[in-house]
Amino acid sequence: MIAVLALIAGVVLGIVFHPTVPLALQPYLPIAVVAALDAVFGGVRAKLDGIFDDKQFVVSFISNVLVAGIIVYLGDQLGVGGQLSIGVVVVLGVRIFGNVAAIRRHLFRA
């Protein structure tokens, strides 16, 4: 229930204040969103498997976003930011689809 209220509050605050992302951080936002989605789907899977731990979820969420951002930042510094961004999205995408498949198997027994 708290998560739903926090989501609603976040959406309302976003609509009211129209936040903008600084130009320097814009290349990292899509990667951060994909990393966060990976943690969320992993958390849903863990919840359905009965092994969810809120502390582990928070650490996973923050570390996924930070590590993905650092990898892309290092790629930018080395001049291969686009390639590393694609790599991060592919790896996280595979993990997301694996978690979604496990969630589907758990919910629909298929």
PDB file of N, CA and C in Angstrom:
ATOM      1  N   MET A   1       0.822  -1.194   0.000  1.00  0.00           N
ATOM      2  CA  MET A   1       0.000   0.000   0.000  1.00  0.00           C
ATOM      3  C   MET A   1       0.865   1.256   0.000  1.00  0.00           C
ATOM      4  N   ILE A   2       1.953   1.220   0.781  1.00  0.00           N
ATOM      5  CA  ILE A   2       2.850   2.376   0.837  1.00  0.00           C
ATOM      6  C   ILE A   2       3.483   2.622  -0.525  1.00  0.00           C
ATOM      7  N   ALA A   3       3.833   1.528  -1.231  1.00  0.00           N
ATOM      8  CA  ALA A   3       4.447   1.680  -2.548  1.00  0.00           C
ATOM      9  C   ALA A   3       3.496   2.354  -3.536  1.00  0.00           C
ATOM     10  N   VAL A   4       2.228   1.984  -3.481  1.00  0.00           N
ATOM     11  CA  VAL A   4       1.239   2.586  -4.388  1.00  0.00           C
ATOM     12  C   VAL A   4       1.057   4.069  -4.076  1.00  0.00           C
ATOM     13  N   LEU A   5       0.991   4.407  -2.794  1.00  0.00           N
ATOM     14  CA  LEU A   5       0.867   5.818  -2.406  1.00  0.00           C
ATOM     15  C   LEU A   5       2.102   6.617  -2.820  1.00  0.00           C
ATOM     16  N   ALA A   6       3.285   6.012  -2.675  1.00  0.00           N
ATOM     17  CA  ALA A   6       4.517   6.691  -3.089  1.00  0.00           C
ATOM     18  C   ALA A   6       4.537   6.897  -4.599  1.00  0.00           C
ATOM     19  N   LEU A   7       4.068   5.908  -5.352  1.00  0.00           N
ATOM     20  CA  LEU A   7       4.000   6.044  -6.805  1.00  0.00           C
ATOM     21  C   LEU A   7       3.053   7.167  -7.205  1.00  0.00           C
ATOM     22  N   ILE A   8       1.890   7.199  -6.593  1.00  0.00           N
ATOM     23  CA  ILE A   8       0.914   8.256  -6.892  1.00  0.00           C
ATOM     24  C   ILE A   8       1.492   9.625  -6.530  1.00  0.00           C
ATOM     25  N   ALA A   9       2.130   9.723  -5.357  1.00  0.00           N
ATOM     26  CA  ALA A   9       2.732  10.997  -4.942  1.00  0.00           C
ATOM     27  C   ALA A   9       3.823  11.425  -5.927  1.00  0.00           C
ATOM     28  N   GLY A  10       4.627  10.479  -6.389  1.00  0.00           N
ATOM     29  CA  GLY A  10       5.683  10.801  -7.353  1.00  0.00           C
ATOM     30  C   GLY A  10       5.132  11.295  -8.677  1.00  0.00           C
ATOM     31  N   VAL A  11       4.070  10.663  -9.147  1.00  0.00           N
ATOM     32  CA  VAL A  11       3.452  11.094 -10.406  1.00  0.00           C
ATOM     33  C   VAL A  11       2.868  12.494 -10.255  1.00  0.00           C
ATOM     34  N   VAL A  12       2.181  12.739  -9.157  1.00  0.00           N
ATOM     35  CA  VAL A  12       1.577  14.061  -8.929  1.00  0.00           C
ATOM     36  C   VAL A  12       2.675  15.133  -8.833  1.00  0.00           C
ATOM     37  N   LEU A  13       3.726  14.853  -8.091  1.00  0.00           N
ATOM     38  CA  LEU A  13       4.825  15.821  -7.975  1.00  0.00           C
ATOM     39  C   LEU A  13       5.477  16.080  -9.332  1.00  0.00           C
ATOM     40  N   GLY A  14       5.631  15.032 -10.139  1.00  0.00           N
ATOM     41  CA  GLY A  14       6.201  15.207 -11.474  1.00  0.00           C
ATOM     42  C   GLY A  14       5.325  16.068 -12.368  1.00  0.00           C
ATOM     43  N   ILE A  15       4.018  15.894 -12.260  1.00  0.00           N
ATOM     44  CA  ILE A  15       3.088  16.691 -13.071  1.00  0.00           C
ATOM     45  C   ILE A  15       3.097  18.148 -12.609  1.00  0.00           C
ATOM     46  N   VAL A  16       3.147  18.366 -11.307  1.00  0.00           N
ATOM     47  CA  VAL A  16       3.080  19.721 -10.764  1.00  0.00           C
ATOM     48  C   VAL A  16       4.380  20.494 -11.023  1.00  0.00           C
ATOM     49  N   PHE A  17       5.528  19.866 -10.768  1.00  0.00           N
ATOM     50  CA  PHE A  17       6.796  20.602 -10.819  1.00  0.00           C
ATOM     51  C   PHE A  17       7.533  20.501 -12.153  1.00  0.00           C
ATOM     52  N   HIS A  18       7.142  19.623 -13.050  1.00  0.00           N
ATOM     53  CA  HIS A  18       7.784  19.458 -14.361  1.00  0.00           C
ATOM     54  C   HIS A  18       9.307  19.424 -14.231  1.00  0.00           C
ATOM     55  N   PRO A  19       9.864  18.394 -13.578  1.00  0.00           N
ATOM     56  CA  PRO A  19      11.318  18.360 -13.403  1.00  0.00           C
ATOM     57  C   PRO A  19      12.037  18.172 -14.735  1.00  0.00           C
ATOM     58  N   THR A  20      13.219  18.728 -14.822  1.00  0.00           N
ATOM     59  CA  THR A  20      14.047  18.571 -16.015  1.00  0.00           C
ATOM     60  C   THR A  20      15.342  17.879 -15.628  1.00  0.00           C
ATOM     61  N   VAL A  21      15.869  17.124 -16.550  1.00  0.00           N
ATOM     62  CA  VAL A  21      17.132  16.431 -16.329  1.00  0.00           C
ATOM     63  C   VAL A  21      18.238  17.301 -16.922  1.00  0.00           C
ATOM     64  N   PRO A  22      19.298  17.563 -16.156  1.00  0.00           N
ATOM     65  CA  PRO A  22      20.407  18.353 -16.700  1.00  0.00           C
ATOM     66  C   PRO A  22      20.968  17.702 -17.959  1.00  0.00           C
ATOM     67  N   LEU A  23      21.411  18.512 -18.882  1.00  0.00           N
ATOM     68  CA  LEU A  23      21.905  18.043 -20.175  1.00  0.00           C
ATOM     69  C   LEU A  23      23.032  17.024 -20.012  1.00  0.00           C
ATOM     70  N   ALA A  24      23.884  17.215 -19.026  1.00  0.00           N
ATOM     71  CA  ALA A  24      25.012  16.302 -18.826  1.00  0.00           C
ATOM     72  C   ALA A  24      24.560  14.911 -18.372  1.00  0.00           C
ATOM     73  N   LEU A  25      23.395  14.821 -17.742  1.00  0.00           N
ATOM     74  CA  LEU A  25      22.914  13.535 -17.244  1.00  0.00           C
ATOM     75  C   LEU A  25      21.944  12.838 -18.190  1.00  0.00           C
ATOM     76  N   GLN A  26      21.518  13.503 -19.238  1.00  0.00           N
ATOM     77  CA  GLN A  26      20.515  12.930 -20.132  1.00  0.00           C
ATOM     78  C   GLN A  26      20.939  11.617 -20.791  1.00  0.00           C
ATOM     79  N   PRO A  27      22.210  11.422 -21.159  1.00  0.00           N
ATOM     80  CA  PRO A  27      22.575  10.122 -21.751  1.00  0.00           C
ATOM     81  C   PRO A  27      22.458   8.951 -20.769  1.00  0.00           C
ATOM     82  N   TYR A  28      22.495   9.246 -19.478  1.00  0.00           N
ATOM     83  CA  TYR A  28      22.483   8.189 -18.473  1.00  0.00           C
ATOM     84  C   TYR A  28      21.080   7.833 -17.985  1.00  0.00           C
ATOM     85  N   LEU A  29      20.108   8.681 -18.234  1.00  0.00           N
ATOM     86  CA  LEU A  29      18.756   8.444 -17.742  1.00  0.00           C
ATOM     87  C   LEU A  29      18.125   7.170 -18.300  1.00  0.00           C
ATOM     88  N   PRO A  30      18.190   6.916 -19.615  1.00  0.00           N
ATOM     89  CA  PRO A  30      17.587   5.668 -20.115  1.00  0.00           C
ATOM     90  C   PRO A  30      18.247   4.422 -19.514  1.00  0.00           C
ATOM     91  N   ILE A  31      19.546   4.471 -19.326  1.00  0.00           N
ATOM     92  CA  ILE A  31      20.262   3.335 -18.741  1.00  0.00           C
ATOM     93  C   ILE A  31      19.814   3.143 -17.294  1.00  0.00           C
ATOM     94  N   ALA A  32      19.658   4.233 -16.565  1.00  0.00           N
ATOM     95  CA  ALA A  32      19.212   4.151 -15.169  1.00  0.00           C
ATOM     96  C   ALA A  32      17.802   3.577 -15.093  1.00  0.00           C
ATOM     97  N   VAL A  33      16.941   3.945 -16.014  1.00  0.00           N
ATOM     98  CA  VAL A  33      15.564   3.433 -16.022  1.00  0.00           C
ATOM     99  C   VAL A  33      15.558   1.927 -16.292  1.00  0.00           C
ATOM    100  N   VAL A  34      16.357   1.481 -17.259  1.00  0.00           N
ATOM    101  CA  VAL A  34      16.418   0.054 -17.571  1.00  0.00           C
ATOM    102  C   VAL A  34      16.993  -0.722 -16.380  1.00  0.00           C
ATOM    103  N   ALA A  35      18.017  -0.176 -15.737  1.00  0.00           N
ATOM    104  CA  ALA A  35      18.600  -0.828 -14.561  1.00  0.00           C
ATOM    105  C   ALA A  35      17.585  -0.899 -13.419  1.00  0.00           C
ATOM    106  N   ALA A  36      16.818   0.164 -13.241  1.00  0.00           N
ATOM    107  CA  ALA A  36      15.793   0.168 -12.196  1.00  0.00           C
ATOM    108  C   ALA A  36      14.700  -0.846 -12.511  1.00  0.00           C
ATOM    109  N   LEU A  37      14.308  -0.944 -13.775  1.00  0.00           N
ATOM    110  CA  LEU A  37      13.297  -1.935 -14.160  1.00  0.00           C
ATOM    111  C   LEU A  37      13.785  -3.354 -13.903  1.00  0.00           C
ATOM    112  N   ASP A  38      15.075  -3.590 -14.134  1.00  0.00           N
ATOM    113  CA  ASP A  38      15.642  -4.903 -13.844  1.00  0.00           C
ATOM    114  C   ASP A  38      15.477  -5.235 -12.363  1.00  0.00           C
ATOM    115  N   ALA A  39      15.777  -4.283 -11.501  1.00  0.00           N
ATOM    116  CA  ALA A  39      15.637  -4.514 -10.061  1.00  0.00           C
ATOM    117  C   ALA A  39      14.173  -4.727  -9.682  1.00  0.00           C
ATOM    118  N   VAL A  40      13.269  -3.970 -10.277  1.00  0.00           N
ATOM    119  CA  VAL A  40      11.839  -4.102  -9.957  1.00  0.00           C
ATOM    120  C   VAL A  40      11.319  -5.477 -10.367  1.00  0.00           C
ATOM    121  N   PHE A  41      11.628  -5.907 -11.592  1.00  0.00           N
ATOM    122  CA  PHE A  41      11.153  -7.218 -12.021  1.00  0.00           C
ATOM    123  C   PHE A  41      11.813  -8.339 -11.215  1.00  0.00           C
ATOM    124  N   GLY A  42      13.064  -8.154 -10.825  1.00  0.00           N
ATOM    125  CA  GLY A  42      13.708  -9.120  -9.942  1.00  0.00           C
ATOM    126  C   GLY A  42      13.017  -9.174  -8.590  1.00  0.00           C
ATOM    127  N   GLY A  43      12.595  -8.020  -8.085  1.00  0.00           N
ATOM    128  CA  GLY A  43      11.868  -7.984  -6.821  1.00  0.00           C
ATOM    129  C   GLY A  43      10.509  -8.661  -6.902  1.00  0.00           C
ATOM    130  N   VAL A  44       9.807  -8.450  -8.003  1.00  0.00           N
ATOM    131  CA  VAL A  44       8.508  -9.105  -8.197  1.00  0.00           C
ATOM    132  C   VAL A  44       8.696 -10.618  -8.269  1.00  0.00           C
ATOM    133  N   ARG A  45       9.722 -11.033  -8.995  1.00  0.00           N
ATOM    134  CA  ARG A  45      10.004 -12.472  -9.092  1.00  0.00           C
ATOM    135  C   ARG A  45      10.319 -13.050  -7.713  1.00  0.00           C
ATOM    136  N   ALA A  46      11.156 -12.354  -6.949  1.00  0.00           N
ATOM    137  CA  ALA A  46      11.506 -12.835  -5.608  1.00  0.00           C
ATOM    138  C   ALA A  46      10.272 -12.901  -4.717  1.00  0.00           C
ATOM    139  N   LYS A  47       9.390 -11.924  -4.838  1.00  0.00           N
ATOM    140  CA  LYS A  47       8.159 -11.920  -4.036  1.00  0.00           C
ATOM    141  C   LYS A  47       7.296 -13.144  -4.365  1.00  0.00           C
ATOM    142  N   LEU A  48       7.161 -13.432  -5.655  1.00  0.00           N
ATOM    143  CA  LEU A  48       6.364 -14.583  -6.065  1.00  0.00           C
ATOM    144  C   LEU A  48       7.017 -15.903  -5.652  1.00  0.00           C
ATOM    145  N   ASP A  49       8.350 -15.927  -5.603  1.00  0.00           N
ATOM    146  CA  ASP A  49       9.065 -17.125  -5.171  1.00  0.00           C
ATOM    147  C   ASP A  49       9.114 -17.246  -3.653  1.00  0.00           C
ATOM    148  N   GLY A  50       8.663 -16.205  -2.949  1.00  0.00           N
ATOM    149  CA  GLY A  50       8.636 -16.235  -1.500  1.00  0.00           C
ATOM    150  C   GLY A  50       9.975 -15.958  -0.844  1.00  0.00           C
ATOM    151  N   ILE A  51      10.895 -15.316  -1.571  1.00  0.00           N
ATOM    152  CA  ILE A  51      12.225 -15.041  -1.012  1.00  0.00           C
ATOM    153  C   ILE A  51      12.553 -13.547  -1.035  1.00  0.00           C
ATOM    154  N   PHE A  52      11.537 -12.714  -1.102  1.00  0.00           N
ATOM    155  CA  PHE A  52      11.760 -11.268  -1.181  1.00  0.00           C
ATOM    156  C   PHE A  52      12.307 -10.733   0.140  1.00  0.00           C
ATOM    157  N   ASP A  53      13.325  -9.886   0.034  1.00  0.00           N
ATOM    158  CA  ASP A  53      13.898  -9.198   1.187  1.00  0.00           C
ATOM    159  C   ASP A  53      13.984  -7.721   0.831  1.00  0.00           C
ATOM    160  N   ASP A  54      13.337  -6.875   1.611  1.00  0.00           N
ATOM    161  CA  ASP A  54      13.280  -5.462   1.266  1.00  0.00           C
ATOM    162  C   ASP A  54      14.654  -4.803   1.269  1.00  0.00           C
ATOM    163  N   LYS A  55      15.519  -5.159   2.193  1.00  0.00           N
ATOM    164  CA  LYS A  55      16.859  -4.573   2.218  1.00  0.00           C
ATOM    165  C   LYS A  55      17.647  -4.963   0.976  1.00  0.00           C
ATOM    166  N   GLN A  56      17.547  -6.225   0.592  1.00  0.00           N
ATOM    167  CA  GLN A  56      18.242  -6.689  -0.602  1.00  0.00           C
ATOM    168  C   GLN A  56      17.694  -5.987  -1.844  1.00  0.00           C
ATOM    169  N   PHE A  57      16.391  -5.748  -1.873  1.00  0.00           N
ATOM    170  CA  PHE A  57      15.795  -5.052  -3.010  1.00  0.00           C
ATOM    171  C   PHE A  57      16.329  -3.633  -3.126  1.00  0.00           C
ATOM    172  N   VAL A  58      16.370  -2.913  -2.018  1.00  0.00           N
ATOM    173  CA  VAL A  58      16.854  -1.529  -2.049  1.00  0.00           C
ATOM    174  C   VAL A  58      18.313  -1.486  -2.490  1.00  0.00           C
ATOM    175  N   VAL A  59      19.133  -2.367  -1.944  1.00  0.00           N
ATOM    176  CA  VAL A  59      20.547  -2.406  -2.323  1.00  0.00           C
ATOM    177  C   VAL A  59      20.684  -2.771  -3.796  1.00  0.00           C
ATOM    178  N   SER A  60      19.899  -3.737  -4.260  1.00  0.00           N
ATOM    179  CA  SER A  60      19.931  -4.137  -5.665  1.00  0.00           C
ATOM    180  C   SER A  60      19.511  -2.986  -6.573  1.00  0.00           C
ATOM    181  N   PHE A  61      18.459  -2.296  -6.192  1.00  0.00           N
ATOM    182  CA  PHE A  61      17.949  -1.177  -6.987  1.00  0.00           C
ATOM    183  C   PHE A  61      19.023  -0.097  -7.138  1.00  0.00           C
ATOM    184  N   ILE A  62      19.588   0.328  -6.013  1.00  0.00           N
ATOM    185  CA  ILE A  62      20.580   1.403  -6.041  1.00  0.00           C
ATOM    186  C   ILE A  62      21.849   0.956  -6.750  1.00  0.00           C
ATOM    187  N   SER A  63      22.323  -0.248  -6.449  1.00  0.00           N
ATOM    188  CA  SER A  63      23.573  -0.696  -7.062  1.00  0.00           C
ATOM    189  C   SER A  63      23.407  -0.929  -8.559  1.00  0.00           C
ATOM    190  N   ASN A  64      22.258  -1.448  -9.008  1.00  0.00           N
ATOM    191  CA  ASN A  64      22.023  -1.615 -10.448  1.00  0.00           C
ATOM    192  C   ASN A  64      22.137  -0.282 -11.175  1.00  0.00           C
ATOM    193  N   VAL A  65      21.473   0.719 -10.632  1.00  0.00           N
ATOM    194  CA  VAL A  65      21.481   2.037 -11.276  1.00  0.00           C
ATOM    195  C   VAL A  65      22.888   2.632 -11.273  1.00  0.00           C
ATOM    196  N   LEU A  66      23.570   2.552 -10.139  1.00  0.00           N
ATOM    197  CA  LEU A  66      24.915   3.120 -10.045  1.00  0.00           C
ATOM    198  C   LEU A  66      25.910   2.396 -10.946  1.00  0.00           C
ATOM    199  N   VAL A  67      25.910   1.072 -10.914  1.00  0.00           N
ATOM    200  CA  VAL A  67      26.869   0.320 -11.730  1.00  0.00           C
ATOM    201  C   VAL A  67      26.612   0.549 -13.217  1.00  0.00           C
ATOM    202  N   ALA A  68      25.356   0.521 -13.631  1.00  0.00           N
ATOM    203  CA  ALA A  68      25.045   0.774 -15.041  1.00  0.00           C
ATOM    204  C   ALA A  68      25.487   2.176 -15.445  1.00  0.00           C
ATOM    205  N   GLY A  69      25.232   3.158 -14.595  1.00  0.00           N
ATOM    206  CA  GLY A  69      25.664   4.523 -14.895  1.00  0.00           C
ATOM    207  C   GLY A  69      27.171   4.651 -14.957  1.00  0.00           C
ATOM    208  N   ILE A  70      27.873   3.996 -14.042  1.00  0.00           N
ATOM    209  CA  ILE A  70      29.338   4.057 -14.043  1.00  0.00           C
ATOM    210  C   ILE A  70      29.914   3.403 -15.296  1.00  0.00           C
ATOM    211  N   ILE A  71      29.346   2.272 -15.702  1.00  0.00           N
ATOM    212  CA  ILE A  71      29.826   1.613 -16.916  1.00  0.00           C
ATOM    213  C   ILE A  71      29.659   2.521 -18.123  1.00  0.00           C
ATOM    214  N   VAL A  72      28.506   3.160 -18.248  1.00  0.00           N
ATOM    215  CA  VAL A  72      28.274   4.050 -19.382  1.00  0.00           C
ATOM    216  C   VAL A  72      29.182   5.274 -19.293  1.00  0.00           C
ATOM    217  N   TYR A  73      29.372   5.802 -18.091  1.00  0.00           N
ATOM    218  CA  TYR A  73      30.276   6.945 -17.912  1.00  0.00           C
ATOM    219  C   TYR A  73      31.700   6.578 -18.331  1.00  0.00           C
ATOM    220  N   LEU A  74      32.167   5.419 -17.888  1.00  0.00           N
ATOM    221  CA  LEU A  74      33.506   4.988 -18.285  1.00  0.00           C
ATOM    222  C   LEU A  74      33.603   4.810 -19.796  1.00  0.00           C
ATOM    223  N   GLY A  75      32.545   4.285 -20.390  1.00  0.00           N
ATOM    224  CA  GLY A  75      32.520   4.157 -21.846  1.00  0.00           C
ATOM    225  C   GLY A  75      32.607   5.509 -22.525  1.00  0.00           C
ATOM    226  N   ASP A  76      31.922   6.502 -21.980  1.00  0.00           N
ATOM    227  CA  ASP A  76      32.012   7.854 -22.533  1.00  0.00           C
ATOM    228  C   ASP A  76      33.435   8.393 -22.426  1.00  0.00           C
ATOM    229  N   GLN A  77      34.079   8.154 -21.293  1.00  0.00           N
ATOM    230  CA  GLN A  77      35.442   8.638 -21.091  1.00  0.00           C
ATOM    231  C   GLN A  77      36.437   7.940 -22.024  1.00  0.00           C
ATOM    232  N   LEU A  78      36.151   6.695 -22.357  1.00  0.00           N
ATOM    233  CA  LEU A  78      37.031   5.936 -23.253  1.00  0.00           C
ATOM    234  C   LEU A  78      36.683   6.136 -24.723  1.00  0.00           C
ATOM    235  N   GLY A  79      35.582   6.827 -24.987  1.00  0.00           N
ATOM    236  CA  GLY A  79      35.178   7.083 -26.366  1.00  0.00           C
ATOM    237  C   GLY A  79      34.329   5.980 -26.973  1.00  0.00           C
ATOM    238  N   VAL A  80      33.836   5.072 -26.156  1.00  0.00           N
ATOM    239  CA  VAL A  80      32.994   3.988 -26.659  1.00  0.00           C
ATOM    240  C   VAL A  80      31.669   3.944 -25.893  1.00  0.00           C
ATOM    241  N   GLY A  81      31.161   5.114 -25.538  1.00  0.00           N
ATOM    242  CA  GLY A  81      29.944   5.190 -24.724  1.00  0.00           C
ATOM    243  C   GLY A  81      28.752   4.529 -25.364  1.00  0.00           C
ATOM    244  N   GLY A  82      28.582   4.699 -26.667  1.00  0.00           N
ATOM    245  CA  GLY A  82      27.442   4.107 -27.359  1.00  0.00           C
ATOM    246  C   GLY A  82      27.468   2.594 -27.316  1.00  0.00           C
ATOM    247  N   GLN A  83      28.651   2.017 -27.528  1.00  0.00           N
ATOM    248  CA  GLN A  83      28.772   0.565 -27.519  1.00  0.00           C
ATOM    249  C   GLN A  83      28.519  -0.004 -26.122  1.00  0.00           C
ATOM    250  N   LEU A  84      29.062   0.636 -25.094  1.00  0.00           N
ATOM    251  CA  LEU A  84      28.827   0.152 -23.740  1.00  0.00           C
ATOM    252  C   LEU A  84      27.383   0.363 -23.320  1.00  0.00           C
ATOM    253  N   SER A  85      26.756   1.435 -23.774  1.00  0.00           N
ATOM    254  CA  SER A  85      25.335   1.651 -23.476  1.00  0.00           C
ATOM    255  C   SER A  85      24.503   0.514 -24.059  1.00  0.00           C
ATOM    256  N   ILE A  86      24.801   0.144 -25.291  1.00  0.00           N
ATOM    257  CA  ILE A  86      24.075  -0.958 -25.931  1.00  0.00           C
ATOM    258  C   ILE A  86      24.324  -2.255 -25.167  1.00  0.00           C
ATOM    259  N   GLY A  87      25.563  -2.466 -24.762  1.00  0.00           N
ATOM    260  CA  GLY A  87      25.890  -3.671 -23.997  1.00  0.00           C
ATOM    261  C   GLY A  87      25.126  -3.746 -22.687  1.00  0.00           C
ATOM    262  N   VAL A  88      25.073  -2.637 -21.975  1.00  0.00           N
ATOM    263  CA  VAL A  88      24.353  -2.607 -20.705  1.00  0.00           C
ATOM    264  C   VAL A  88      22.868  -2.865 -20.931  1.00  0.00           C
ATOM    265  N   VAL A  89      22.291  -2.253 -21.932  1.00  0.00           N
ATOM    266  CA  VAL A  89      20.870  -2.450 -22.217  1.00  0.00           C
ATOM    267  C   VAL A  89      20.598  -3.900 -22.618  1.00  0.00           C
ATOM    268  N   VAL A  90      21.484  -4.504 -23.394  1.00  0.00           N
ATOM    269  CA  VAL A  90      21.289  -5.900 -23.796  1.00  0.00           C
ATOM    270  C   VAL A  90      21.342  -6.820 -22.581  1.00  0.00           C
ATOM    271  N   VAL A  91      22.364  -6.649 -21.741  1.00  0.00           N
ATOM    272  CA  VAL A  91      22.497  -7.502 -20.559  1.00  0.00           C
ATOM    273  C   VAL A  91      21.298  -7.338 -19.625  1.00  0.00           C
ATOM    274  N   LEU A  92      20.929  -6.089 -19.347  1.00  0.00           N
ATOM    275  CA  LEU A  92      19.788  -5.863 -18.459  1.00  0.00           C
ATOM    276  C   LEU A  92      18.489  -6.326 -19.104  1.00  0.00           C
ATOM    277  N   GLY A  93      18.383  -6.171 -20.415  1.00  0.00           N
ATOM    278  CA  GLY A  93      17.200  -6.647 -21.124  1.00  0.00           C
ATOM    279  C   GLY A  93      17.040  -8.154 -21.024  1.00  0.00           C
ATOM    280  N   VAL A  94      18.143  -8.875 -21.149  1.00  0.00           N
ATOM    281  CA  VAL A  94      18.094 -10.331 -21.008  1.00  0.00           C
ATOM    282  C   VAL A  94      17.639 -10.705 -19.599  1.00  0.00           C
ATOM    283  N   ARG A  95      18.167  -9.996 -18.596  1.00  0.00           N
ATOM    284  CA  ARG A  95      17.757 -10.268 -17.216  1.00  0.00           C
ATOM    285  C   ARG A  95      16.275  -9.946 -17.001  1.00  0.00           C
ATOM    286  N   ILE A  96      15.812  -8.828 -17.577  1.00  0.00           N
ATOM    287  CA  ILE A  96      14.402  -8.454 -17.443  1.00  0.00           C
ATOM    288  C   ILE A  96      13.509  -9.518 -18.073  1.00  0.00           C
ATOM    289  N   PHE A  97      13.852  -9.945 -19.284  1.00  0.00           N
ATOM    290  CA  PHE A  97      13.031 -10.950 -19.946  1.00  0.00           C
ATOM    291  C   PHE A  97      13.066 -12.281 -19.199  1.00  0.00           C
ATOM    292  N   GLY A  98      14.203 -12.630 -18.602  1.00  0.00           N
ATOM    293  CA  GLY A  98      14.279 -13.836 -17.781  1.00  0.00           C
ATOM    294  C   GLY A  98      13.371 -13.743 -16.567  1.00  0.00           C
ATOM    295  N   ASN A  99      13.374 -12.578 -15.914  1.00  0.00           N
ATOM    296  CA  ASN A  99      12.497 -12.382 -14.759  1.00  0.00           C
ATOM    297  C   ASN A  99      11.026 -12.390 -15.169  1.00  0.00           C
ATOM    298  N   VAL A 100      10.709 -11.749 -16.288  1.00  0.00           N
ATOM    299  CA  VAL A 100       9.317 -11.731 -16.760  1.00  0.00           C
ATOM    300  C   VAL A 100       8.862 -13.144 -17.109  1.00  0.00           C
ATOM    301  N   ALA A 101       9.749 -13.936 -17.722  1.00  0.00           N
ATOM    302  CA  ALA A 101       9.389 -15.320 -18.042  1.00  0.00           C
ATOM    303  C   ALA A 101       9.121 -16.109 -16.764  1.00  0.00           C
ATOM    304  N   ALA A 102       9.940 -15.910 -15.735  1.00  0.00           N
ATOM    305  CA  ALA A 102       9.720 -16.605 -14.463  1.00  0.00           C
ATOM    306  C   ALA A 102       8.415 -16.155 -13.810  1.00  0.00           C
ATOM    307  N   ILE A 103       8.116 -14.861 -13.896  1.00  0.00           N
ATOM    308  CA  ILE A 103       6.852 -14.348 -13.348  1.00  0.00           C
ATOM    309  C   ILE A 103       5.669 -14.951 -14.098  1.00  0.00           C
ATOM    310  N   ARG A 104       5.784 -15.000 -15.411  1.00  0.00           N
ATOM    311  CA  ARG A 104       4.710 -15.587 -16.228  1.00  0.00           C
ATOM    312  C   ARG A 104       4.505 -17.058 -15.869  1.00  0.00           C
ATOM    313  N   ARG A 105       5.598 -17.813 -15.742  1.00  0.00           N
ATOM    314  CA  ARG A 105       5.489 -19.234 -15.375  1.00  0.00           C
ATOM    315  C   ARG A 105       4.827 -19.384 -14.007  1.00  0.00           C
ATOM    316  N   HIS A 106       5.186 -18.493 -13.109  1.00  0.00           N
ATOM    317  CA  HIS A 106       4.623 -18.588 -11.754  1.00  0.00           C
ATOM    318  C   HIS A 106       3.127 -18.241 -11.738  1.00  0.00           C
ATOM    319  N   LEU A 107       2.746 -17.215 -12.465  1.00  0.00           N
ATOM    320  CA  LEU A 107       1.350 -16.761 -12.453  1.00  0.00           C
ATOM    321  C   LEU A 107       0.421 -17.655 -13.282  1.00  0.00           C
ATOM    322  N   PHE A 108       0.912 -18.091 -14.449  1.00  0.00           N
ATOM    323  CA  PHE A 108       0.038 -18.824 -15.357  1.00  0.00           C
ATOM    324  C   PHE A 108       0.358 -20.309 -15.444  1.00  0.00           C
ATOM    325  N   ARG A 109       1.343 -20.750 -14.678  1.00  0.00           N
ATOM    326  CA  ARG A 109       1.777 -22.141 -14.684  1.00  0.00           C
ATOM    327  C   ARG A 109       2.108 -22.609 -16.100  1.00  0.00           C
ATOM    328  N   ALA A 110       2.676 -21.668 -16.891  1.00  0.00           N
ATOM    329  CA  ALA A 110       3.023 -22.001 -18.289  1.00  0.00           C
ATOM    330  C   ALA A 110       4.393 -21.476 -18.630  1.00  0.00           C
TER     331      ALA A 110
END
